[in-house]
Amino acid sequence: MTPCRHPELVLGRARPRWRCRHCGLTITVEELGDGPCPECLAHRGEHCRDFEETGNAGGAARAYRCAACGARIDWE
C-alpha cells in the first residue's frame, strides 16, 4: 500500500458498461473482455453473448487518478 494520501484527484472518463439481456448483469467492457456473460456461465452454464450498452449515466463507474502518485481510484 502506498503512503500517498492522494491530495489531488483528477477525474477520468466514465467507463462504458454493458448489460446482459438474459440475467441483467451490468459489467464494464474491460471486465467482460471477449468472453460470455460470467453470471450466466457460472449459474446456468450458458455462454450468453447478448449485451446492450447502458451508457454512462445512472451509477456508471468513474475513474479518478491521483496526480501525486498516479494511482487509479474507481468510484461507483
PDB file of N, CA and C in Angstrom:
ATOM      1  N   MET A   1       0.844  -1.173   0.000  1.00  0.00           N
ATOM      2  CA  MET A   1       0.000   0.000   0.000  1.00  0.00           C
ATOM      3  C   MET A   1       0.890   1.236   0.000  1.00  0.00           C
ATOM      4  N   THR A   2       0.549   2.206  -0.794  1.00  0.00           N
ATOM      5  CA  THR A   2       1.331   3.424  -0.890  1.00  0.00           C
ATOM      6  C   THR A   2       0.971   4.392   0.243  1.00  0.00           C
ATOM      7  N   PRO A   3       1.950   5.124   0.784  1.00  0.00           N
ATOM      8  CA  PRO A   3       1.653   6.074   1.852  1.00  0.00           C
ATOM      9  C   PRO A   3       1.011   7.375   1.342  1.00  0.00           C
ATOM     10  N   CYS A   4       0.800   7.502   0.042  1.00  0.00           N
ATOM     11  CA  CYS A   4       0.212   8.717  -0.532  1.00  0.00           C
ATOM     12  C   CYS A   4      -1.223   8.901  -0.036  1.00  0.00           C
ATOM     13  N   ARG A   5      -1.566  10.118   0.318  1.00  0.00           N
ATOM     14  CA  ARG A   5      -2.922  10.432   0.782  1.00  0.00           C
ATOM     15  C   ARG A   5      -3.789  10.959  -0.365  1.00  0.00           C
ATOM     16  N   HIS A   6      -3.282  10.892  -1.593  1.00  0.00           N
ATOM     17  CA  HIS A   6      -3.993  11.315  -2.795  1.00  0.00           C
ATOM     18  C   HIS A   6      -4.553  12.732  -2.648  1.00  0.00           C
ATOM     19  N   PRO A   7      -3.666  13.737  -2.512  1.00  0.00           N
ATOM     20  CA  PRO A   7      -4.102  15.107  -2.260  1.00  0.00           C
ATOM     21  C   PRO A   7      -4.815  15.769  -3.436  1.00  0.00           C
ATOM     22  N   GLU A   8      -4.556  15.313  -4.660  1.00  0.00           N
ATOM     23  CA  GLU A   8      -5.190  15.938  -5.824  1.00  0.00           C
ATOM     24  C   GLU A   8      -5.674  14.849  -6.775  1.00  0.00           C
ATOM     25  N   LEU A   9      -6.999  14.698  -6.863  1.00  0.00           N
ATOM     26  CA  LEU A   9      -7.584  13.692  -7.741  1.00  0.00           C
ATOM     27  C   LEU A   9      -8.048  14.345  -9.038  1.00  0.00           C
ATOM     28  N   VAL A  10      -7.766  13.665 -10.141  1.00  0.00           N
ATOM     29  CA  VAL A  10      -8.154  14.140 -11.457  1.00  0.00           C
ATOM     30  C   VAL A  10      -9.237  13.203 -11.979  1.00  0.00           C
ATOM     31  N   LEU A  11     -10.380  13.755 -12.380  1.00  0.00           N
ATOM     32  CA  LEU A  11     -11.492  12.954 -12.867  1.00  0.00           C
ATOM     33  C   LEU A  11     -11.183  12.416 -14.248  1.00  0.00           C
ATOM     34  N   GLY A  12     -11.334  11.116 -14.401  1.00  0.00           N
ATOM     35  CA  GLY A  12     -11.142  10.474 -15.694  1.00  0.00           C
ATOM     36  C   GLY A  12     -12.472  10.288 -16.392  1.00  0.00           C
ATOM     37  N   ARG A  13     -12.445   9.591 -17.495  1.00  0.00           N
ATOM     38  CA  ARG A  13     -13.673   9.328 -18.244  1.00  0.00           C
ATOM     39  C   ARG A  13     -14.443   8.188 -17.594  1.00  0.00           C
ATOM     40  N   ALA A  14     -15.749   8.248 -17.683  1.00  0.00           N
ATOM     41  CA  ALA A  14     -16.584   7.139 -17.212  1.00  0.00           C
ATOM     42  C   ALA A  14     -16.400   5.972 -18.176  1.00  0.00           C
ATOM     43  N   ARG A  15     -16.353   4.776 -17.627  1.00  0.00           N
ATOM     44  CA  ARG A  15     -16.161   3.595 -18.453  1.00  0.00           C
ATOM     45  C   ARG A  15     -17.500   3.075 -18.963  1.00  0.00           C
ATOM     46  N   PRO A  16     -17.586   2.737 -20.258  1.00  0.00           N
ATOM     47  CA  PRO A  16     -18.835   2.192 -20.787  1.00  0.00           C
ATOM     48  C   PRO A  16     -19.175   0.871 -20.114  1.00  0.00           C
ATOM     49  N   ARG A  17     -20.461   0.632 -19.904  1.00  0.00           N
ATOM     50  CA  ARG A  17     -20.918  -0.599 -19.262  1.00  0.00           C
ATOM     51  C   ARG A  17     -21.906  -1.308 -20.177  1.00  0.00           C
ATOM     52  N   TRP A  18     -21.953  -2.630 -20.053  1.00  0.00           N
ATOM     53  CA  TRP A  18     -22.834  -3.465 -20.852  1.00  0.00           C
ATOM     54  C   TRP A  18     -23.728  -4.267 -19.924  1.00  0.00           C
ATOM     55  N   ARG A  19     -24.978  -4.475 -20.331  1.00  0.00           N
ATOM     56  CA  ARG A  19     -25.937  -5.247 -19.533  1.00  0.00           C
ATOM     57  C   ARG A  19     -26.320  -6.500 -20.308  1.00  0.00           C
ATOM     58  N   CYS A  20     -26.255  -7.647 -19.623  1.00  0.00           N
ATOM     59  CA  CYS A  20     -26.667  -8.914 -20.222  1.00  0.00           C
ATOM     60  C   CYS A  20     -28.185  -8.903 -20.356  1.00  0.00           C
ATOM     61  N   ARG A  21     -28.682  -9.247 -21.523  1.00  0.00           N
ATOM     62  CA  ARG A  21     -30.130  -9.250 -21.758  1.00  0.00           C
ATOM     63  C   ARG A  21     -30.817 -10.466 -21.157  1.00  0.00           C
ATOM     64  N   HIS A  22     -30.021 -11.433 -20.681  1.00  0.00           N
ATOM     65  CA  HIS A  22     -30.608 -12.633 -20.085  1.00  0.00           C
ATOM     66  C   HIS A  22     -30.714 -12.530 -18.566  1.00  0.00           C
ATOM     67  N   CYS A  23     -29.637 -12.098 -17.903  1.00  0.00           N
ATOM     68  CA  CYS A  23     -29.639 -12.080 -16.433  1.00  0.00           C
ATOM     69  C   CYS A  23     -29.613 -10.671 -15.850  1.00  0.00           C
ATOM     70  N   GLY A  24     -29.304  -9.652 -16.657  1.00  0.00           N
ATOM     71  CA  GLY A  24     -29.284  -8.280 -16.172  1.00  0.00           C
ATOM     72  C   GLY A  24     -27.973  -7.827 -15.569  1.00  0.00           C
ATOM     73  N   LEU A  25     -26.947  -8.672 -15.581  1.00  0.00           N
ATOM     74  CA  LEU A  25     -25.641  -8.287 -15.042  1.00  0.00           C
ATOM     75  C   LEU A  25     -25.112  -7.079 -15.806  1.00  0.00           C
ATOM     76  N   THR A  26     -24.629  -6.072 -15.079  1.00  0.00           N
ATOM     77  CA  THR A  26     -24.008  -4.903 -15.687  1.00  0.00           C
ATOM     78  C   THR A  26     -22.521  -4.978 -15.411  1.00  0.00           C
ATOM     79  N   ILE A  27     -21.707  -4.856 -16.463  1.00  0.00           N
ATOM     80  CA  ILE A  27     -20.272  -5.095 -16.362  1.00  0.00           C
ATOM     81  C   ILE A  27     -19.537  -4.141 -17.299  1.00  0.00           C
ATOM     82  N   THR A  28     -18.314  -3.780 -16.946  1.00  0.00           N
ATOM     83  CA  THR A  28     -17.525  -2.915 -17.822  1.00  0.00           C
ATOM     84  C   THR A  28     -16.967  -3.725 -18.977  1.00  0.00           C
ATOM     85  N   VAL A  29     -16.603  -3.025 -20.029  1.00  0.00           N
ATOM     86  CA  VAL A  29     -16.031  -3.671 -21.201  1.00  0.00           C
ATOM     87  C   VAL A  29     -14.723  -4.375 -20.833  1.00  0.00           C
ATOM     88  N   GLU A  30     -13.932  -3.751 -19.952  1.00  0.00           N
ATOM     89  CA  GLU A  30     -12.665  -4.357 -19.541  1.00  0.00           C
ATOM     90  C   GLU A  30     -12.888  -5.657 -18.789  1.00  0.00           C
ATOM     91  N   GLU A  31     -13.888  -5.680 -17.911  1.00  0.00           N
ATOM     92  CA  GLU A  31     -14.184  -6.886 -17.139  1.00  0.00           C
ATOM     93  C   GLU A  31     -14.739  -7.998 -18.025  1.00  0.00           C
ATOM     94  N   LEU A  32     -15.523  -7.635 -19.025  1.00  0.00           N
ATOM     95  CA  LEU A  32     -16.141  -8.616 -19.912  1.00  0.00           C
ATOM     96  C   LEU A  32     -15.134  -9.233 -20.862  1.00  0.00           C
ATOM     97  N   GLY A  33     -14.270  -8.403 -21.443  1.00  0.00           N
ATOM     98  CA  GLY A  33     -13.325  -8.915 -22.428  1.00  0.00           C
ATOM     99  C   GLY A  33     -14.065  -9.441 -23.647  1.00  0.00           C
ATOM    100  N   ASP A  34     -13.608 -10.571 -24.188  1.00  0.00           N
ATOM    101  CA  ASP A  34     -14.242 -11.178 -25.351  1.00  0.00           C
ATOM    102  C   ASP A  34     -15.074 -12.394 -24.978  1.00  0.00           C
ATOM    103  N   GLY A  35     -15.238 -12.641 -23.685  1.00  0.00           N
ATOM    104  CA  GLY A  35     -15.926 -13.835 -23.239  1.00  0.00           C
ATOM    105  C   GLY A  35     -17.426 -13.665 -23.103  1.00  0.00           C
ATOM    106  N   PRO A  36     -18.103 -14.738 -22.699  1.00  0.00           N
ATOM    107  CA  PRO A  36     -19.543 -14.685 -22.466  1.00  0.00           C
ATOM    108  C   PRO A  36     -19.850 -14.034 -21.122  1.00  0.00           C
ATOM    109  N   CYS A  37     -21.106 -13.858 -20.828  1.00  0.00           N
ATOM    110  CA  CYS A  37     -21.530 -13.293 -19.550  1.00  0.00           C
ATOM    111  C   CYS A  37     -21.070 -14.218 -18.423  1.00  0.00           C
ATOM    112  N   PRO A  38     -20.271 -13.724 -17.480  1.00  0.00           N
ATOM    113  CA  PRO A  38     -19.761 -14.587 -16.408  1.00  0.00           C
ATOM    114  C   PRO A  38     -20.862 -15.074 -15.464  1.00  0.00           C
ATOM    115  N   GLU A  39     -21.916 -14.283 -15.283  1.00  0.00           N
ATOM    116  CA  GLU A  39     -23.022 -14.672 -14.404  1.00  0.00           C
ATOM    117  C   GLU A  39     -23.816 -15.831 -15.010  1.00  0.00           C
ATOM    118  N   CYS A  40     -24.160 -15.715 -16.282  1.00  0.00           N
ATOM    119  CA  CYS A  40     -24.897 -16.792 -16.965  1.00  0.00           C
ATOM    120  C   CYS A  40     -24.061 -18.064 -17.022  1.00  0.00           C
ATOM    121  N   LEU A  41     -22.781 -17.915 -17.265  1.00  0.00           N
ATOM    122  CA  LEU A  41     -21.892 -19.074 -17.338  1.00  0.00           C
ATOM    123  C   LEU A  41     -21.771 -19.763 -15.985  1.00  0.00           C
ATOM    124  N   ALA A  42     -21.619 -18.994 -14.921  1.00  0.00           N
ATOM    125  CA  ALA A  42     -21.426 -19.568 -13.591  1.00  0.00           C
ATOM    126  C   ALA A  42     -22.688 -20.224 -13.039  1.00  0.00           C
ATOM    127  N   HIS A  43     -23.839 -19.600 -13.261  1.00  0.00           N
ATOM    128  CA  HIS A  43     -25.056 -20.096 -12.619  1.00  0.00           C
ATOM    129  C   HIS A  43     -25.919 -21.004 -13.490  1.00  0.00           C
ATOM    130  N   ARG A  44     -25.854 -20.804 -14.822  1.00  0.00           N
ATOM    131  CA  ARG A  44     -26.697 -21.622 -15.694  1.00  0.00           C
ATOM    132  C   ARG A  44     -25.911 -22.442 -16.698  1.00  0.00           C
ATOM    133  N   GLY A  45     -24.599 -22.211 -16.769  1.00  0.00           N
ATOM    134  CA  GLY A  45     -23.767 -22.936 -17.719  1.00  0.00           C
ATOM    135  C   GLY A  45     -23.975 -22.509 -19.163  1.00  0.00           C
ATOM    136  N   GLU A  46     -24.596 -21.341 -19.373  1.00  0.00           N
ATOM    137  CA  GLU A  46     -24.871 -20.839 -20.720  1.00  0.00           C
ATOM    138  C   GLU A  46     -23.805 -19.835 -21.140  1.00  0.00           C
ATOM    139  N   HIS A  47     -23.471 -19.832 -22.407  1.00  0.00           N
ATOM    140  CA  HIS A  47     -22.486 -18.904 -22.965  1.00  0.00           C
ATOM    141  C   HIS A  47     -23.210 -17.741 -23.643  1.00  0.00           C
ATOM    142  N   CYS A  48     -23.887 -16.924 -22.862  1.00  0.00           N
ATOM    143  CA  CYS A  48     -24.664 -15.787 -23.386  1.00  0.00           C
ATOM    144  C   CYS A  48     -23.724 -14.667 -23.814  1.00  0.00           C
ATOM    145  N   ARG A  49     -23.969 -14.141 -24.991  1.00  0.00           N
ATOM    146  CA  ARG A  49     -23.187 -13.020 -25.515  1.00  0.00           C
ATOM    147  C   ARG A  49     -24.105 -11.907 -26.014  1.00  0.00           C
ATOM    148  N   ASP A  50     -25.311 -11.856 -25.484  1.00  0.00           N
ATOM    149  CA  ASP A  50     -26.299 -10.870 -25.906  1.00  0.00           C
ATOM    150  C   ASP A  50     -26.314  -9.719 -24.904  1.00  0.00           C
ATOM    151  N   PHE A  51     -25.606  -8.623 -25.234  1.00  0.00           N
ATOM    152  CA  PHE A  51     -25.458  -7.476 -24.344  1.00  0.00           C
ATOM    153  C   PHE A  51     -26.004  -6.223 -24.990  1.00  0.00           C
ATOM    154  N   GLU A  52     -26.404  -5.268 -24.149  1.00  0.00           N
ATOM    155  CA  GLU A  52     -26.784  -3.942 -24.624  1.00  0.00           C
ATOM    156  C   GLU A  52     -25.953  -2.923 -23.863  1.00  0.00           C
ATOM    157  N   GLU A  53     -25.561  -1.858 -24.548  1.00  0.00           N
ATOM    158  CA  GLU A  53     -24.778  -0.813 -23.898  1.00  0.00           C
ATOM    159  C   GLU A  53     -25.700   0.031 -23.039  1.00  0.00           C
ATOM    160  N   THR A  54     -25.298   0.266 -21.796  1.00  0.00           N
ATOM    161  CA  THR A  54     -26.131   1.045 -20.875  1.00  0.00           C
ATOM    162  C   THR A  54     -25.746   2.504 -20.864  1.00  0.00           C
ATOM    163  N   GLY A  55     -24.642   2.858 -21.457  1.00  0.00           N
ATOM    164  CA  GLY A  55     -24.176   4.237 -21.418  1.00  0.00           C
ATOM    165  C   GLY A  55     -23.436   4.493 -20.121  1.00  0.00           C
ATOM    166  N   ASN A  56     -23.295   5.761 -19.769  1.00  0.00           N
ATOM    167  CA  ASN A  56     -22.524   6.126 -18.594  1.00  0.00           C
ATOM    168  C   ASN A  56     -23.354   6.806 -17.522  1.00  0.00           C
ATOM    169  N   ALA A  57     -24.643   6.909 -17.714  1.00  0.00           N
ATOM    170  CA  ALA A  57     -25.480   7.588 -16.734  1.00  0.00           C
ATOM    171  C   ALA A  57     -25.987   6.599 -15.700  1.00  0.00           C
ATOM    172  N   GLY A  58     -26.354   7.115 -14.554  1.00  0.00           N
ATOM    173  CA  GLY A  58     -27.008   6.294 -13.551  1.00  0.00           C
ATOM    174  C   GLY A  58     -26.139   5.240 -12.926  1.00  0.00           C
ATOM    175  N   GLY A  59     -25.123   5.619 -12.191  1.00  0.00           N
ATOM    176  CA  GLY A  59     -24.329   4.660 -11.445  1.00  0.00           C
ATOM    177  C   GLY A  59     -23.134   4.101 -12.185  1.00  0.00           C
ATOM    178  N   ALA A  60     -22.835   4.636 -13.334  1.00  0.00           N
ATOM    179  CA  ALA A  60     -21.660   4.143 -14.053  1.00  0.00           C
ATOM    180  C   ALA A  60     -20.404   4.527 -13.285  1.00  0.00           C
ATOM    181  N   ALA A  61     -19.438   3.654 -13.312  1.00  0.00           N
ATOM    182  CA  ALA A  61     -18.206   3.890 -12.569  1.00  0.00           C
ATOM    183  C   ALA A  61     -17.428   5.051 -13.181  1.00  0.00           C
ATOM    184  N   ARG A  62     -16.872   5.860 -12.337  1.00  0.00           N
ATOM    185  CA  ARG A  62     -15.983   6.928 -12.775  1.00  0.00           C
ATOM    186  C   ARG A  62     -14.615   6.637 -12.192  1.00  0.00           C
ATOM    187  N   ALA A  63     -13.618   6.916 -12.965  1.00  0.00           N
ATOM    188  CA  ALA A  63     -12.261   6.671 -12.511  1.00  0.00           C
ATOM    189  C   ALA A  63     -11.584   7.997 -12.192  1.00  0.00           C
ATOM    190  N   TYR A  64     -10.895   8.021 -11.075  1.00  0.00           N
ATOM    191  CA  TYR A  64     -10.086   9.167 -10.686  1.00  0.00           C
ATOM    192  C   TYR A  64      -8.637   8.718 -10.691  1.00  0.00           C
ATOM    193  N   ARG A  65      -7.745   9.664 -10.919  1.00  0.00           N
ATOM    194  CA  ARG A  65      -6.320   9.371 -10.870  1.00  0.00           C
ATOM    195  C   ARG A  65      -5.676  10.367  -9.930  1.00  0.00           C
ATOM    196  N   CYS A  66      -4.802   9.855  -9.069  1.00  0.00           N
ATOM    197  CA  CYS A  66      -4.076  10.729  -8.152  1.00  0.00           C
ATOM    198  C   CYS A  66      -2.952  11.409  -8.926  1.00  0.00           C
ATOM    199  N   ALA A  67      -2.929  12.735  -8.889  1.00  0.00           N
ATOM    200  CA  ALA A  67      -1.903  13.483  -9.595  1.00  0.00           C
ATOM    201  C   ALA A  67      -0.522  13.302  -8.964  1.00  0.00           C
ATOM    202  N   ALA A  68      -0.485  12.953  -7.679  1.00  0.00           N
ATOM    203  CA  ALA A  68       0.793  12.803  -6.983  1.00  0.00           C
ATOM    204  C   ALA A  68       1.455  11.444  -7.240  1.00  0.00           C
ATOM    205  N   CYS A  69       0.697  10.356  -7.137  1.00  0.00           N
ATOM    206  CA  CYS A  69       1.320   9.036  -7.258  1.00  0.00           C
ATOM    207  C   CYS A  69       0.847   8.238  -8.471  1.00  0.00           C
ATOM    208  N   GLY A  70      -0.198   8.702  -9.161  1.00  0.00           N
ATOM    209  CA  GLY A  70      -0.681   8.018 -10.358  1.00  0.00           C
ATOM    210  C   GLY A  70      -1.649   6.874 -10.103  1.00  0.00           C
ATOM    211  N   ALA A  71      -2.050   6.652  -8.848  1.00  0.00           N
ATOM    212  CA  ALA A  71      -2.966   5.551  -8.519  1.00  0.00           C
ATOM    213  C   ALA A  71      -4.335   5.802  -9.148  1.00  0.00           C
ATOM    214  N   ARG A  72      -4.980   4.729  -9.581  1.00  0.00           N
ATOM    215  CA  ARG A  72      -6.333   4.829 -10.125  1.00  0.00           C
ATOM    216  C   ARG A  72      -7.334   4.479  -9.033  1.00  0.00           C
ATOM    217  N   ILE A  73      -8.360   5.315  -8.873  1.00  0.00           N
ATOM    218  CA  ILE A  73      -9.373   5.119  -7.853  1.00  0.00           C
ATOM    219  C   ILE A  73     -10.720   5.086  -8.557  1.00  0.00           C
ATOM    220  N   ASP A  74     -11.442   3.964  -8.430  1.00  0.00           N
ATOM    221  CA  ASP A  74     -12.751   3.819  -9.068  1.00  0.00           C
ATOM    222  C   ASP A  74     -13.847   4.214  -8.104  1.00  0.00           C
ATOM    223  N   TRP A  75     -14.859   4.876  -8.624  1.00  0.00           N
ATOM    224  CA  TRP A  75     -15.995   5.331  -7.822  1.00  0.00           C
ATOM    225  C   TRP A  75     -17.253   4.863  -8.520  1.00  0.00           C
ATOM    226  N   GLU A  76     -18.137   4.237  -7.766  1.00  0.00           N
ATOM    227  CA  GLU A  76     -19.403   3.771  -8.347  1.00  0.00           C
ATOM    228  C   GLU A  76     -20.534   4.616  -7.842  1.00  0.00           C
TER     229      GLU A  76
END
